[in-house]
């Protein structure tokens, strides 16, 4: 009979990149959130990675990296330009942090909901079986 023990875990700070001890966790989290917006927009439009690569003016393998959440090689500035190529306005707002919070933060917020993703069902010709 095995001894049942409770697995050890550590409570998250809310930023996985800080929890992993990365050098610039706020920047990494913001980049991940920007990538998420890009991927959600592409999916909502029903674009293939090839079609998205044309809109974004990126090679398809780079689009594939975005879909896999790999942000290495993408600066925050470059991700913002990709959002602009998807006809998205990006507003950068600077304000004082509340005194109750110890550190200032960077965050990405979507103001409008995305349209529902398009169906990927293939259309068949009338009378086709």
Protein backbone atom coordinates (compact mmCIF):
# COMPACT_ATOMS: atom_id res chain seq x y z
CA UNK A 1 0.00 0.00 0.00
CA UNK A 2 1.38 3.41 -1.00
CA UNK A 3 1.68 6.23 1.45
CA UNK A 4 -0.62 9.03 0.28
CA UNK A 5 0.95 12.43 0.70
CA UNK A 6 -0.31 15.79 -0.34
CA UNK A 7 1.75 17.10 -3.26
CA UNK A 8 3.81 20.18 -2.49
CA UNK A 9 2.80 23.35 -4.25
CA UNK A 10 3.59 26.98 -4.11
CA UNK A 11 0.98 29.73 -4.33
CA UNK A 12 1.36 31.80 -7.51
CA UNK A 13 2.11 35.49 -7.44
CA UNK A 14 -0.32 35.87 -10.36
CA UNK A 15 2.55 36.12 -12.84
CA UNK A 16 4.00 32.77 -13.86
CA UNK A 17 7.07 34.52 -15.30
CA UNK A 18 7.85 36.05 -11.87
CA UNK A 19 7.26 32.67 -10.25
CA UNK A 20 9.82 31.15 -12.64
CA UNK A 21 12.34 33.85 -11.71
CA UNK A 22 12.68 35.41 -15.16
CA UNK A 23 14.56 38.70 -15.37
CA UNK A 24 11.67 40.87 -16.65
CA UNK A 25 8.46 39.07 -15.67
CA UNK A 26 6.09 42.01 -16.23
CA UNK A 27 7.35 42.45 -19.80
CA UNK A 28 7.08 38.71 -20.48
CA UNK A 29 3.50 38.64 -19.16
CA UNK A 30 2.53 41.65 -21.29
CA UNK A 31 4.04 40.01 -24.38
CA UNK A 32 2.16 36.77 -23.66
CA UNK A 33 -1.08 38.74 -23.31
CA UNK A 34 -0.44 40.56 -26.60
CA UNK A 35 0.22 37.24 -28.34
CA UNK A 36 -3.03 35.88 -26.91
CA UNK A 37 -4.90 38.84 -28.43
CA UNK A 38 -3.26 38.26 -31.82
CA UNK A 39 -4.09 34.56 -31.84
CA UNK A 40 -7.69 35.15 -30.69
CA UNK A 41 -8.24 37.72 -33.47
CA UNK A 42 -6.83 35.36 -36.10
CA UNK A 43 -9.09 32.55 -34.85
CA UNK A 44 -12.13 34.84 -34.68
CA UNK A 45 -11.58 35.77 -38.31
CA UNK A 46 -11.25 32.11 -39.27
CA UNK A 47 -7.84 32.68 -40.86
CA UNK A 48 -5.41 29.88 -41.52
CA UNK A 49 -1.82 30.42 -40.42
CA UNK A 50 -0.90 30.93 -44.07
CA UNK A 51 -3.57 33.62 -44.53
CA UNK A 52 -2.57 35.21 -41.22
CA UNK A 53 1.06 35.29 -42.34
CA UNK A 54 0.04 37.41 -45.34
CA UNK A 55 -1.94 39.85 -43.18
CA UNK A 56 0.78 40.06 -40.55
CA UNK A 57 3.56 40.20 -43.15
CA UNK A 58 5.39 37.39 -41.34
CA UNK A 59 6.67 34.03 -42.55
CA UNK A 60 4.21 31.25 -41.68
CA UNK A 61 6.67 29.56 -39.26
CA UNK A 62 6.71 32.78 -37.19
CA UNK A 63 2.90 32.72 -37.06
CA UNK A 64 3.14 29.12 -35.89
CA UNK A 65 5.44 30.25 -33.07
CA UNK A 66 2.82 32.79 -31.98
CA UNK A 67 0.14 30.09 -31.96
CA UNK A 68 2.38 28.00 -29.71
CA UNK A 69 2.87 30.94 -27.35
CA UNK A 70 6.56 31.34 -28.07
CA UNK A 71 7.41 35.03 -27.77
CA UNK A 72 11.21 34.79 -28.08
CA UNK A 73 12.26 37.09 -30.91
CA UNK A 74 9.11 39.23 -30.66
CA UNK A 75 9.48 42.60 -28.94
CA UNK A 76 6.51 44.34 -27.39
CA UNK A 77 6.78 46.95 -30.16
CA UNK A 78 6.68 44.26 -32.86
CA UNK A 79 3.61 42.62 -31.29
CA UNK A 80 1.84 45.98 -31.21
CA UNK A 81 2.61 46.44 -34.93
CA UNK A 82 1.12 42.99 -35.60
CA UNK A 83 -2.06 44.05 -33.80
CA UNK A 84 -2.16 47.19 -35.96
CA UNK A 85 -1.88 44.99 -39.07
CA UNK A 86 -4.96 43.18 -37.77
CA UNK A 87 -6.74 46.58 -37.75
CA UNK A 88 -6.56 46.90 -33.99
CA UNK A 89 -5.93 50.19 -32.22
CA UNK A 90 -3.53 49.87 -29.31
CA UNK A 91 -3.76 52.54 -26.60
CA UNK A 92 -0.99 52.90 -24.05
CA UNK A 93 -2.21 54.53 -20.85
CA UNK A 94 0.16 55.70 -18.13
CA UNK A 95 -1.18 56.41 -14.64
CA UNK A 96 0.01 56.49 -11.05
CA UNK A 97 -0.23 53.19 -9.23
CA UNK A 98 -2.48 53.00 -6.18
CA UNK A 99 -0.54 53.51 -2.95
CA UNK A 100 -1.87 50.19 -1.60
CA UNK A 101 -0.01 48.24 -4.31
CA UNK A 102 3.74 47.75 -3.71
CA UNK A 103 4.92 47.70 -7.31
CA UNK A 104 3.71 49.25 -10.55
CA UNK A 105 2.49 46.85 -13.24
CA UNK A 106 2.02 46.46 -16.95
CA UNK A 107 -1.14 44.84 -18.25
CA UNK A 108 -3.01 44.24 -21.48
CA UNK A 109 -6.76 44.85 -21.49
CA UNK A 110 -9.22 44.18 -24.33
CA UNK A 111 -11.99 46.81 -24.35
CA UNK A 112 -14.32 45.18 -26.86
CA UNK A 113 -15.23 41.52 -27.12
CA UNK A 114 -14.03 39.67 -30.19
CA UNK A 115 -16.56 38.42 -32.70
CA UNK A 116 -17.36 34.72 -32.44
CA UNK A 117 -14.95 32.46 -34.34
CA UNK A 118 -16.10 31.47 -37.81
CA UNK A 119 -17.10 27.89 -38.43
CA UNK A 120 -14.45 25.75 -40.11
CA UNK A 121 -16.99 23.50 -41.85
CA UNK A 122 -16.43 23.11 -45.55
CA UNK A 123 -19.20 24.22 -47.86
CA UNK A 124 -20.28 21.71 -50.45
CA UNK A 125 -21.81 22.47 -53.82
CA UNK A 126 -25.58 22.23 -54.10
CA UNK A 127 -26.56 18.69 -54.99
CA UNK A 128 -23.09 17.32 -54.07
CA UNK A 129 -22.98 14.16 -51.98
